[in-house]
Amino acid sequence: MTQNERLDFLINHLISEDNRYSNIVIPKDSEEKFNLFRSLVNVREPKQISNEFIKLQDDYLQERLTEINITDAYDLQAISNKLYLWQGDITTLKCGAIVNAANSEMLGCFVPCHKCIDNAIHTFSGVQLRLECNRIMKLHGHKEQTGTAKITKAYNLPCDYILHTVGPIVYGHLTDEHLKLLASCYRSCLELAESNGVKSIAFCCISTGEFHFPNDIAAQIAVETAKDYLKHSELERVIFNVFKDTDKKIYEKLLR
């Protein structure tokens, strides 16, 4: 089965789940077709789905991985002891665990094709990730607290695990509590990674962007927390993943 045929099957299956989608016309353009698939996955509630869908979805996402450049964490060069800086798409990084900036519901982003990291991670992991997160949260019994973390499989991503953490949202004045909670996010992820045998972990810029945490202060907390933790840790690599040039410059200054 070709990639186009797989995508047609996946879209038709998702459309058939909900009568509201019965009038959707599947576009012919490959990128528009993928965006439709992504949108349908993004809005889908965490409910069971057929093994046939899972297999074809996994085949499709794994084939997409062969078409892009995967970066191996062990090909990166350290800037300082065990600390690395890498600019790129975190969903294409091969390492022990990547960190997802999640919300307190822990189910991923439900906004179709949203540009946030939560959306990308859930899209390219596959629908299994939302299902696993839903099982965890049902057992948990309440929303995830800010500054804590949960671990899941990575499914169709090149990393081994995903660490989901809820960062503080800054409305107005930055407080000491915001600082403590962000440091707790980094520390919780480091502890959870090490307790699960992870040797390399890649952090996104937690709480910046839509959560309004100042980028320079957030980066300083990230680096200081990692340095302090690594004094008594067997972790081999802590990678700070950035997407924007401005964040890259901030981390370069801090790490050098």
Protein backbone atom coordinates (compact mmCIF):
# COMPACT_ATOMS: atom_id res chain seq x y z
CA MET A 1 0.00 0.00 0.00
CA THR A 2 1.34 3.45 -0.92
CA GLN A 3 1.54 6.37 1.47
CA ASN A 4 -1.31 8.06 -0.37
CA GLU A 5 -3.48 4.95 -0.05
CA ARG A 6 -2.69 4.67 3.66
CA LEU A 7 -3.61 8.31 4.18
CA ASP A 8 -6.91 7.86 2.34
CA PHE A 9 -7.78 4.90 4.55
CA LEU A 10 -6.87 6.75 7.75
CA ILE A 11 -8.88 9.84 6.83
CA ASN A 12 -11.92 7.83 5.76
CA HIS A 13 -11.79 5.83 8.99
CA LEU A 14 -11.66 9.00 11.10
CA ILE A 15 -14.49 10.60 9.11
CA SER A 16 -16.66 7.50 9.57
CA GLU A 17 -16.39 7.83 13.37
CA ASP A 18 -18.42 11.06 13.48
CA ASN A 19 -21.52 12.01 11.50
CA ARG A 20 -20.50 15.67 11.65
CA TYR A 21 -17.67 14.90 9.23
CA SER A 22 -19.84 13.26 6.56
CA ASN A 23 -19.62 16.23 4.19
CA ILE A 24 -15.85 16.56 4.34
CA VAL A 25 -14.21 16.37 0.93
CA ILE A 26 -10.75 14.80 0.95
CA PRO A 27 -8.31 17.09 -0.91
CA LYS A 28 -6.06 15.75 -3.64
CA ASP A 29 -3.00 17.79 -2.69
CA SER A 30 -0.77 15.63 -0.48
CA GLU A 31 0.05 18.37 2.05
CA GLU A 32 -3.58 19.46 2.36
CA LYS A 33 -4.56 15.82 2.75
CA PHE A 34 -2.03 15.34 5.55
CA ASN A 35 -3.28 18.50 7.29
CA LEU A 36 -6.80 17.09 7.19
CA PHE A 37 -5.56 13.84 8.72
CA ARG A 38 -3.68 15.81 11.37
CA SER A 39 -6.74 17.91 12.16
CA LEU A 40 -8.96 14.86 12.57
CA VAL A 41 -6.40 13.25 14.87
CA ASN A 42 -5.99 16.47 16.88
CA VAL A 43 -9.71 16.79 17.67
CA ARG A 44 -10.31 13.08 18.26
CA GLU A 45 -11.32 12.17 21.80
CA PRO A 46 -9.31 9.41 23.54
CA LYS A 47 -11.42 6.43 22.58
CA GLN A 48 -10.43 3.00 21.34
CA ILE A 49 -9.73 2.44 17.66
CA SER A 50 -9.22 -0.64 15.50
CA ASN A 51 -5.94 -2.52 15.27
CA GLU A 52 -6.10 -2.07 11.50
CA PHE A 53 -6.10 1.71 11.89
CA ILE A 54 -3.19 1.57 14.36
CA LYS A 55 -1.12 -0.60 12.01
CA LEU A 56 -1.69 1.58 8.95
CA GLN A 57 -1.16 4.76 10.95
CA ASP A 58 2.12 3.38 12.31
CA ASP A 59 3.21 2.31 8.83
CA TYR A 60 2.40 5.77 7.51
CA LEU A 61 4.19 7.67 10.30
CA GLN A 62 7.23 5.38 10.20
CA GLU A 63 7.52 5.87 6.45
CA ARG A 64 7.40 9.64 6.96
CA LEU A 65 10.37 9.29 9.34
CA THR A 66 12.44 7.81 6.52
CA GLU A 67 11.75 10.91 4.43
CA ILE A 68 13.13 13.43 6.94
CA ASN A 69 16.46 14.00 8.67
CA ILE A 70 16.67 12.30 12.06
CA THR A 71 19.25 13.75 14.46
CA ASP A 72 20.96 11.34 16.86
CA ALA A 73 21.68 12.86 20.27
CA TYR A 74 25.01 11.04 20.32
CA ASP A 75 26.14 12.92 17.22
CA LEU A 76 25.84 16.26 19.02
CA GLN A 77 28.82 18.07 20.50
CA ALA A 78 28.70 19.19 24.14
CA ILE A 79 28.99 22.89 24.88
CA SER A 80 29.88 22.19 28.52
CA ASN A 81 29.97 19.10 30.73
CA LYS A 82 27.02 16.88 29.70
CA LEU A 83 25.09 19.92 28.41
CA TYR A 84 24.11 20.26 24.76
CA LEU A 85 22.28 22.78 22.61
CA TRP A 86 20.37 21.76 19.50
CA GLN A 87 18.14 23.81 17.21
CA GLY A 88 15.51 21.81 15.38
CA ASP A 89 12.23 19.90 15.49
CA ILE A 90 12.21 17.88 18.71
CA THR A 91 10.00 15.21 17.10
CA THR A 92 12.95 14.33 14.86
CA LEU A 93 15.48 13.83 17.67
CA LYS A 94 16.66 10.32 18.53
CA CYS A 95 17.43 10.21 22.25
CA GLY A 96 16.31 8.61 25.49
CA ALA A 97 13.44 11.00 26.19
CA ILE A 98 12.05 14.29 24.94
CA VAL A 99 10.08 16.69 27.10
CA ASN A 100 6.61 17.83 26.10
CA ALA A 101 5.20 21.12 27.38
CA ALA A 102 1.77 19.78 28.29
CA ASN A 103 -1.35 21.31 29.83
CA SER A 104 -2.99 20.13 33.04
CA GLU A 105 -5.40 17.84 31.15
CA MET A 106 -2.34 15.96 29.78
CA LEU A 107 -4.24 14.83 26.67
CA GLY A 108 -2.46 16.89 24.05
CA CYS A 109 -3.56 19.89 22.02
CA PHE A 110 -7.06 19.65 20.53
CA VAL A 111 -6.67 22.66 18.22
CA PRO A 112 -6.39 21.42 14.60
CA CYS A 113 -2.85 21.82 13.23
CA HIS A 114 -1.83 24.13 16.06
CA LYS A 115 1.86 25.08 16.02
CA CYS A 116 2.56 24.16 19.65
CA ILE A 117 4.96 21.38 20.58
CA ASP A 118 2.17 19.46 22.36
CA ASN A 119 0.27 19.22 19.07
CA ALA A 120 3.31 18.10 17.09
CA ILE A 121 4.31 15.42 19.58
CA HIS A 122 0.83 13.93 19.72
CA THR A 123 0.43 14.10 15.94
CA PHE A 124 3.65 12.29 15.09
CA SER A 125 3.50 9.83 17.98
CA GLY A 126 0.09 8.60 16.88
CA VAL A 127 -3.33 8.25 18.47
CA GLN A 128 -1.94 5.73 20.99
CA LEU A 129 -0.26 8.56 22.91
CA ARG A 130 -3.55 10.28 23.78
CA LEU A 131 -5.00 6.92 24.76
CA GLU A 132 -2.09 6.23 27.12
CA CYS A 133 -2.27 9.73 28.59
CA ASN A 134 -5.99 9.26 29.16
CA ARG A 135 -5.39 5.99 31.01
CA ILE A 136 -2.77 7.66 33.19
CA MET A 137 -5.03 10.59 34.02
CA LYS A 138 -7.99 8.36 34.87
CA LEU A 139 -5.80 6.45 37.31
CA HIS A 140 -4.41 9.74 38.57
CA GLY A 141 -7.92 11.02 39.34
CA HIS A 142 -7.24 14.74 38.92
CA LYS A 143 -5.53 17.27 36.69
CA GLU A 144 -1.74 17.27 36.58
CA GLN A 145 -0.18 19.73 38.97
CA THR A 146 2.16 22.43 37.70
CA GLY A 147 5.81 21.49 38.15
CA THR A 148 5.29 17.72 38.00
CA ALA A 149 5.82 15.21 35.18
CA LYS A 150 4.54 11.95 33.73
CA ILE A 151 6.28 9.49 31.40
CA THR A 152 4.82 7.65 28.39
CA LYS A 153 6.01 5.60 25.46
CA ALA A 154 7.02 7.54 22.35
CA TYR A 155 5.29 5.24 19.82
CA ASN A 156 6.24 6.52 16.34
CA LEU A 157 8.79 9.11 17.41
CA PRO A 158 12.52 8.27 17.18
CA CYS A 159 13.02 8.81 20.94
CA ASP A 160 12.32 6.11 23.54
CA TYR A 161 10.07 8.03 25.92
CA ILE A 162 8.13 11.27 26.28
CA LEU A 163 8.13 13.22 29.52
CA HIS A 164 5.05 15.41 29.90
CA THR A 165 5.32 18.37 32.27
CA VAL A 166 2.99 21.26 33.05
CA GLY A 167 4.80 24.56 33.26
CA PRO A 168 3.59 27.71 35.05
CA ILE A 169 1.53 30.23 33.10
CA VAL A 170 2.58 33.83 33.69
CA TYR A 171 -0.19 36.42 33.75
CA GLY A 172 1.22 39.83 34.51
CA HIS A 173 4.05 40.05 37.04
CA LEU A 174 6.59 37.23 37.30
CA THR A 175 6.65 35.87 40.86
CA ASP A 176 8.96 33.73 42.97
CA GLU A 177 6.35 30.98 42.77
CA HIS A 178 6.62 30.99 38.97
CA LEU A 179 10.39 30.56 39.28
CA LYS A 180 10.06 27.67 41.75
CA LEU A 181 7.46 25.88 39.65
CA LEU A 182 9.50 26.10 36.46
CA ALA A 183 12.58 24.75 38.25
CA SER A 184 10.37 21.95 39.55
CA CYS A 185 9.37 21.06 35.96
CA TYR A 186 13.00 20.54 34.99
CA ARG A 187 13.91 18.70 38.18
CA SER A 188 10.84 16.43 37.96
CA CYS A 189 11.69 15.47 34.37
CA LEU A 190 15.33 14.79 35.23
CA GLU A 191 14.37 12.60 38.18
CA LEU A 192 11.71 10.73 36.22
CA ALA A 193 14.07 10.17 33.30
CA GLU A 194 16.84 8.78 35.47
CA SER A 195 14.47 6.54 37.45
CA ASN A 196 13.43 4.96 34.14
CA GLY A 197 16.99 4.32 32.97
CA VAL A 198 17.09 7.19 30.48
CA LYS A 199 20.60 8.41 29.67
CA SER A 200 19.83 11.34 27.36
CA ILE A 201 17.01 13.86 27.73
CA ALA A 202 15.99 16.76 25.50
CA PHE A 203 14.12 19.73 26.94
CA CYS A 204 11.95 22.10 24.97
CA CYS A 205 11.65 25.71 26.19
CA ILE A 206 9.04 24.99 28.88
CA SER A 207 6.50 27.74 29.66
CA THR A 208 7.82 30.24 27.11
CA GLY A 209 5.72 31.32 24.14
CA GLU A 210 2.00 31.00 24.90
CA PHE A 211 2.67 30.49 28.63
CA HIS A 212 4.39 33.92 28.68
CA PHE A 213 7.41 33.03 30.81
CA PRO A 214 10.29 35.39 29.87
CA ASN A 215 12.65 33.42 27.63
CA ASP A 216 15.90 34.59 29.18
CA ILE A 217 14.86 33.86 32.77
CA ALA A 218 13.35 30.51 31.75
CA ALA A 219 16.61 29.50 30.07
CA GLN A 220 18.63 30.52 33.12
CA ILE A 221 16.43 28.34 35.35
CA ALA A 222 16.74 25.44 32.90
CA VAL A 223 20.53 25.56 32.79
CA GLU A 224 21.02 26.12 36.53
CA THR A 225 18.62 23.28 37.45
CA ALA A 226 20.29 20.87 35.02
CA LYS A 227 23.81 21.76 36.19
CA ASP A 228 22.84 21.28 39.82
CA TYR A 229 21.15 17.94 39.11
CA LEU A 230 24.05 16.59 37.07
CA LYS A 231 26.43 16.97 40.02
CA HIS A 232 24.96 13.78 41.47
CA SER A 233 23.49 12.03 38.43
CA GLU A 234 24.39 9.27 35.99
CA LEU A 235 22.58 11.01 33.14
CA GLU A 236 24.92 11.31 30.15
CA ARG A 237 23.35 14.10 28.12
CA VAL A 238 20.97 16.97 28.80
CA ILE A 239 19.97 18.65 25.56
CA PHE A 240 18.33 22.05 25.38
CA ASN A 241 16.22 22.06 22.25
CA VAL A 242 15.37 25.43 20.74
CA PHE A 243 13.44 26.36 17.63
CA LYS A 244 13.87 30.13 17.46
CA ASP A 245 17.17 31.93 16.82
CA THR A 246 16.52 34.20 19.80
CA ASP A 247 16.40 31.23 22.18
CA LYS A 248 19.53 29.76 20.61
CA LYS A 249 21.45 32.96 21.34
CA ILE A 250 20.22 33.00 24.94
CA TYR A 251 21.32 29.41 25.59
CA GLU A 252 24.65 29.88 23.81
CA LYS A 253 25.46 32.77 26.12
CA LEU A 254 24.44 30.83 29.23
CA LEU A 255 26.25 27.62 28.32
CA ARG A 256 29.49 29.18 27.12
